[in-house]
Amino acid sequence: MAYEWPPLTPGDPDEVARRVAAVLEDAWQRLADAQEAVLSSIVDRWRLPYVLETLEEFKGSIADFAARVDEEARTFVQRQLPHLYEQGARAAAVDLGRPFGWTAIHTEALQSLASDSYGDFLRRSQEAERMASQWYRAARAAARREVPQLAAGNRTAGQAARELAKRLEGQGLNHVVYRNGTRMPVRAWAEAATLAKSTVAYNAGTLNRAREAGVGYVEVFDSVGCGWTRHNDPDGAAGSVRSVEEAASWPISHPRCRRAFGPRPDVTGLP
């Protein structure tokens, strides 16, 4: 299945997040369309070979979705993350009045960040694939069991086919349902994940450049009222001074967090 999307260009995190979300939403919509084709084949044709054929096409769409997530995740971590990491590191370098170079501390940090981000994308997509695969198995079992017998009994074949399709439709793919019961559209989780990883990458560059310069503390720039470890944490983040290590533990506090840090070489300790 061909996808016609231009190569991802590193740049503004919001723009890149919208791009990644649009690509994955398109892949998921193709999967949902393939599911609809299965339901239509049950109602309109209700012959087992036709239904099984559309089911195999649906199964192929699951693989296409997985491949698209893999491709987009790889491109994101290989192009956007280095761009944002360097932006954060250079911003800190300007504040410190020193240059920035890709020394070992930065290359190793970026490699670790890229690996973690790529793995997180795949874990998220696997929940979507699990749900689609579960529907495929249920639909295939029902088709093999019921489609050959649609005309049996007192009901017409058409009535029985519509009832089967309606039952399977109730297990649709409007949202990804995670193991904890959370329901989320593919676009929402793709955009939130991309923005989160973008912010973490920028902040990692800032913090590692400060650490490299021997600076132990940073000032926090965040939304007014945003908490340190979660949005409603009473420990306010904005304007506070934190150690580099503490900041590295909490580069963001919630999805879509806009947190950033500035080196404070004048601070040598906290009360």
Protein backbone atom coordinates (compact mmCIF):
# COMPACT_ATOMS: atom_id res chain seq x y z
CA MET A 1 0.00 0.00 0.00
CA ALA A 2 1.58 3.28 -1.12
CA TYR A 3 1.76 6.37 1.05
CA GLU A 4 2.31 9.75 -0.54
CA TRP A 5 3.90 11.87 2.14
CA PRO A 6 6.92 14.14 1.65
CA PRO A 7 10.03 13.46 3.74
CA LEU A 8 9.87 14.79 7.28
CA THR A 9 11.76 18.07 7.56
CA PRO A 10 13.22 18.95 11.00
CA GLY A 11 11.73 22.12 12.38
CA ASP A 12 9.05 23.49 14.69
CA PRO A 13 7.89 20.80 17.16
CA ASP A 14 4.20 21.66 16.71
CA GLU A 15 4.44 21.44 12.94
CA VAL A 16 6.34 18.14 13.08
CA ALA A 17 3.86 16.72 15.61
CA ARG A 18 0.96 17.59 13.32
CA ARG A 19 2.78 15.94 10.43
CA VAL A 20 3.48 12.70 12.32
CA ALA A 21 -0.08 12.59 13.66
CA ALA A 22 -1.53 13.12 10.18
CA VAL A 23 0.58 10.34 8.67
CA LEU A 24 -0.37 7.82 11.35
CA GLU A 25 -4.02 8.87 11.31
CA ASP A 26 -4.04 8.26 7.56
CA ALA A 27 -2.59 4.77 8.09
CA TRP A 28 -5.19 4.05 10.77
CA GLN A 29 -8.00 5.32 8.53
CA ARG A 30 -6.90 2.88 5.84
CA LEU A 31 -7.17 0.14 8.45
CA ALA A 32 -10.65 1.30 9.44
CA ASP A 33 -11.67 1.38 5.75
CA ALA A 34 -10.45 -2.20 5.36
CA GLN A 35 -12.57 -3.16 8.36
CA GLU A 36 -15.61 -1.52 6.77
CA ALA A 37 -14.94 -3.53 3.62
CA VAL A 38 -15.16 -6.73 5.68
CA LEU A 39 -18.51 -5.68 7.15
CA SER A 40 -19.82 -4.75 3.70
CA SER A 41 -18.75 -8.09 2.27
CA ILE A 42 -20.75 -9.87 4.98
CA VAL A 43 -23.90 -7.86 4.23
CA ASP A 44 -23.65 -7.57 0.45
CA ARG A 45 -22.06 -10.84 -0.62
CA TRP A 46 -22.18 -13.19 2.42
CA ARG A 47 -20.23 -15.97 0.76
CA LEU A 48 -17.35 -17.31 2.80
CA PRO A 49 -14.60 -16.96 0.11
CA TYR A 50 -15.46 -13.26 -0.39
CA VAL A 51 -15.57 -12.54 3.34
CA LEU A 52 -12.28 -14.32 3.97
CA GLU A 53 -10.68 -12.43 1.09
CA THR A 54 -11.59 -9.05 2.60
CA LEU A 55 -10.44 -10.30 6.00
CA GLU A 56 -7.01 -11.04 4.57
CA GLU A 57 -6.92 -7.54 3.09
CA PHE A 58 -7.73 -6.21 6.56
CA LYS A 59 -4.90 -8.28 8.00
CA GLY A 60 -2.58 -6.73 5.42
CA SER A 61 -3.69 -3.27 6.53
CA ILE A 62 -2.61 -4.09 10.09
CA ALA A 63 0.87 -4.86 8.77
CA ASP A 64 0.83 -1.64 6.71
CA PHE A 65 -0.08 0.38 9.80
CA ALA A 66 2.77 -1.19 11.77
CA ALA A 67 5.22 -0.51 8.94
CA ARG A 68 4.13 3.13 8.70
CA VAL A 69 4.54 3.68 12.44
CA ASP A 70 8.00 2.12 12.25
CA GLU A 71 9.01 4.27 9.29
CA GLU A 72 7.69 7.52 10.77
CA ALA A 73 9.20 6.79 14.21
CA ARG A 74 12.62 6.08 12.70
CA THR A 75 12.53 9.26 10.65
CA PHE A 76 11.44 11.30 13.67
CA VAL A 77 14.23 10.06 15.95
CA GLN A 78 16.87 10.29 13.23
CA ARG A 79 16.04 13.80 12.00
CA GLN A 80 13.88 15.80 14.43
CA LEU A 81 15.43 14.70 17.73
CA PRO A 82 19.04 15.63 16.82
CA HIS A 83 17.81 18.97 15.52
CA LEU A 84 15.99 19.82 18.76
CA TYR A 85 18.72 18.43 21.01
CA GLU A 86 21.24 20.68 19.30
CA GLN A 87 18.89 23.67 19.56
CA GLY A 88 18.64 23.17 23.32
CA ALA A 89 22.37 22.69 23.71
CA ARG A 90 23.18 25.78 21.63
CA ALA A 91 20.71 27.90 23.61
CA ALA A 92 22.49 26.87 26.82
CA ALA A 93 25.87 27.54 25.22
CA VAL A 94 24.79 31.08 24.35
CA ASP A 95 23.65 31.67 27.94
CA LEU A 96 26.98 30.39 29.19
CA GLY A 97 29.03 32.35 26.65
CA ARG A 98 30.66 29.16 25.39
CA PRO A 99 30.56 27.18 22.12
CA PHE A 100 28.76 23.92 21.49
CA GLY A 101 30.24 20.81 19.88
CA TRP A 102 29.08 17.23 19.49
CA THR A 103 31.30 15.78 22.18
CA ALA A 104 30.88 12.28 23.61
CA ILE A 105 28.44 13.40 26.32
CA HIS A 106 26.05 14.70 23.66
CA THR A 107 26.34 11.87 21.13
CA GLU A 108 25.81 9.25 23.84
CA ALA A 109 22.86 11.14 25.31
CA LEU A 110 21.24 11.50 21.90
CA GLN A 111 21.68 7.81 21.11
CA SER A 112 20.00 6.86 24.39
CA LEU A 113 17.19 9.35 23.81
CA ALA A 114 16.60 8.14 20.25
CA SER A 115 16.47 4.51 21.36
CA ASP A 116 14.00 5.29 24.15
CA SER A 117 11.79 7.43 21.90
CA TYR A 118 11.70 4.84 19.12
CA GLY A 119 10.82 2.09 21.60
CA ASP A 120 8.03 4.20 23.11
CA PHE A 121 6.47 4.79 19.68
CA LEU A 122 6.49 1.08 18.98
CA ARG A 123 4.98 0.21 22.35
CA ARG A 124 2.14 2.65 21.71
CA SER A 125 1.50 1.32 18.21
CA GLN A 126 1.54 -2.28 19.43
CA GLU A 127 -1.57 -1.54 21.50
CA ALA A 128 -3.31 -0.37 18.34
CA GLU A 129 -2.12 -3.44 16.43
CA ARG A 130 -3.21 -5.73 19.28
CA MET A 131 -6.74 -4.34 19.15
CA ALA A 132 -6.96 -4.63 15.36
CA SER A 133 -5.56 -8.17 15.42
CA GLN A 134 -8.07 -9.13 18.10
CA TRP A 135 -10.91 -7.90 15.88
CA TYR A 136 -9.47 -9.82 12.90
CA ARG A 137 -9.41 -13.08 14.86
CA ALA A 138 -12.94 -12.56 16.19
CA ALA A 139 -14.31 -11.66 12.75
CA ARG A 140 -12.58 -14.59 11.06
CA ALA A 141 -13.89 -17.05 13.65
CA ALA A 142 -17.43 -15.67 13.36
CA ALA A 143 -17.30 -15.75 9.56
CA ARG A 144 -16.15 -19.36 9.44
CA ARG A 145 -18.77 -20.36 11.98
CA GLU A 146 -21.79 -18.35 10.83
CA VAL A 147 -21.45 -17.28 7.21
CA PRO A 148 -21.96 -20.82 5.80
CA GLN A 149 -25.16 -21.09 7.84
CA LEU A 150 -26.62 -17.65 7.11
CA ALA A 151 -29.63 -19.04 5.24
CA ALA A 152 -30.49 -21.64 7.86
CA GLY A 153 -33.45 -21.34 10.22
CA ASN A 154 -36.42 -19.02 9.86
CA ARG A 155 -34.45 -15.90 9.04
CA THR A 156 -33.39 -14.86 5.58
CA ALA A 157 -29.72 -14.83 4.72
CA GLY A 158 -29.78 -11.05 4.44
CA GLN A 159 -31.19 -10.59 7.92
CA ALA A 160 -28.65 -12.96 9.44
CA ALA A 161 -25.79 -11.26 7.57
CA ARG A 162 -26.83 -7.82 8.79
CA GLU A 163 -27.04 -9.06 12.37
CA LEU A 164 -23.55 -10.56 12.17
CA ALA A 165 -22.12 -7.38 10.66
CA LYS A 166 -23.80 -5.23 13.30
CA ARG A 167 -22.36 -7.39 16.06
CA LEU A 168 -18.85 -7.09 14.64
CA GLU A 169 -19.30 -3.38 13.99
CA GLY A 170 -19.76 -2.87 17.73
CA GLN A 171 -16.09 -3.79 18.11
CA GLY A 172 -15.01 -1.04 15.70
CA LEU A 173 -11.74 0.87 15.41
CA ASN A 174 -12.90 4.40 16.19
CA HIS A 175 -10.39 4.63 19.04
CA VAL A 176 -7.39 2.74 20.29
CA VAL A 177 -8.37 1.08 23.57
CA TYR A 178 -5.35 0.48 25.79
CA ARG A 179 -5.02 -2.31 28.34
CA ASN A 180 -5.91 0.08 31.17
CA GLY A 181 -9.19 0.99 29.41
CA THR A 182 -8.07 4.39 28.13
CA ARG A 183 -9.66 5.29 24.78
CA MET A 184 -7.67 7.58 22.52
CA PRO A 185 -7.76 8.47 18.81
CA VAL A 186 -4.57 7.60 16.94
CA ARG A 187 -4.00 11.25 16.02
CA ALA A 188 -4.13 12.27 19.70
CA TRP A 189 -1.58 9.76 20.94
CA ALA A 190 0.74 10.31 17.99
CA GLU A 191 0.71 14.08 18.44
CA ALA A 192 1.11 13.92 22.23
CA ALA A 193 3.97 11.42 22.00
CA THR A 194 5.78 13.48 19.36
CA LEU A 195 5.47 16.73 21.31
CA ALA A 196 6.63 15.06 24.53
CA LYS A 197 9.71 13.54 22.89
CA SER A 198 10.50 16.85 21.20
CA THR A 199 10.45 18.76 24.49
CA VAL A 200 12.52 16.10 26.23
CA ALA A 201 15.13 16.23 23.45
CA TYR A 202 15.45 20.02 23.60
CA ASN A 203 15.74 19.98 27.39
CA ALA A 204 18.26 17.14 27.33
CA GLY A 205 20.50 19.29 25.12
CA THR A 206 20.21 22.22 27.52
CA LEU A 207 20.89 20.17 30.63
CA ASN A 208 23.80 18.23 29.19
CA ARG A 209 25.50 21.41 27.96
CA ALA A 210 25.08 22.91 31.44
CA ARG A 211 26.45 19.72 33.02
CA GLU A 212 29.36 19.71 30.58
CA ALA A 213 30.24 23.27 31.64
CA GLY A 214 30.21 22.31 35.30
CA VAL A 215 26.96 24.15 36.03
CA GLY A 216 24.91 22.35 38.67
CA TYR A 217 21.68 24.36 38.68
CA VAL A 218 19.08 25.64 36.22
CA GLU A 219 16.08 27.93 36.31
CA VAL A 220 12.75 26.47 35.24
CA PHE A 221 10.58 28.14 32.60
CA ASP A 222 7.08 26.69 32.57
CA SER A 223 3.42 27.59 32.42
CA VAL A 224 2.10 29.47 35.43
CA GLY A 225 0.47 26.99 37.78
CA CYS A 226 2.17 23.94 36.27
CA GLY A 227 3.44 21.57 38.95
CA TRP A 228 6.88 20.02 39.07
CA THR A 229 6.02 16.31 38.78
CA ARG A 230 2.47 16.62 37.41
CA HIS A 231 0.27 19.44 36.23
CA ASN A 232 -1.52 19.90 39.57
CA ASP A 233 1.51 19.27 41.79
CA PRO A 234 1.51 21.96 44.53
CA ASP A 235 5.29 22.18 44.06
CA GLY A 236 5.26 24.89 41.40
CA ALA A 237 7.76 24.67 38.55
CA ALA A 238 7.82 28.12 36.91
CA GLY A 239 10.61 30.34 38.20
CA SER A 240 12.06 27.74 40.54
CA VAL A 241 15.73 26.78 40.59
CA ARG A 242 16.54 23.06 40.44
CA SER A 243 19.65 20.98 40.29
CA VAL A 244 20.61 19.69 36.85
CA GLU A 245 20.05 16.13 38.05
CA GLU A 246 16.57 16.90 39.38
CA ALA A 247 15.69 18.67 36.13
CA ALA A 248 16.90 15.67 34.14
CA SER A 249 14.51 13.50 36.15
CA TRP A 250 11.56 15.76 35.29
CA PRO A 251 12.17 17.31 31.85
CA ILE A 252 8.37 17.47 31.49
CA SER A 253 5.54 16.90 33.95
CA HIS A 254 2.61 16.02 31.67
CA PRO A 255 1.73 15.50 28.00
CA ARG A 256 2.17 18.62 25.86
CA CYS A 257 4.28 20.22 28.61
CA ARG A 258 6.21 23.32 27.48
CA ARG A 259 8.91 23.22 30.14
CA ALA A 260 12.38 24.59 29.43
CA PHE A 261 15.51 25.32 31.46
CA GLY A 262 18.16 28.00 31.65
CA PRO A 263 21.64 27.47 33.15
CA ARG A 264 22.34 29.31 36.42
CA PRO A 265 26.15 29.33 36.86
CA ASP A 266 25.71 31.92 39.62
CA VAL A 267 23.97 29.38 41.87
CA THR A 268 26.29 27.06 43.77
CA GLY A 269 23.78 25.52 46.13
CA LEU A 270 20.18 25.63 47.34
CA PRO A 271 19.01 26.33 50.90
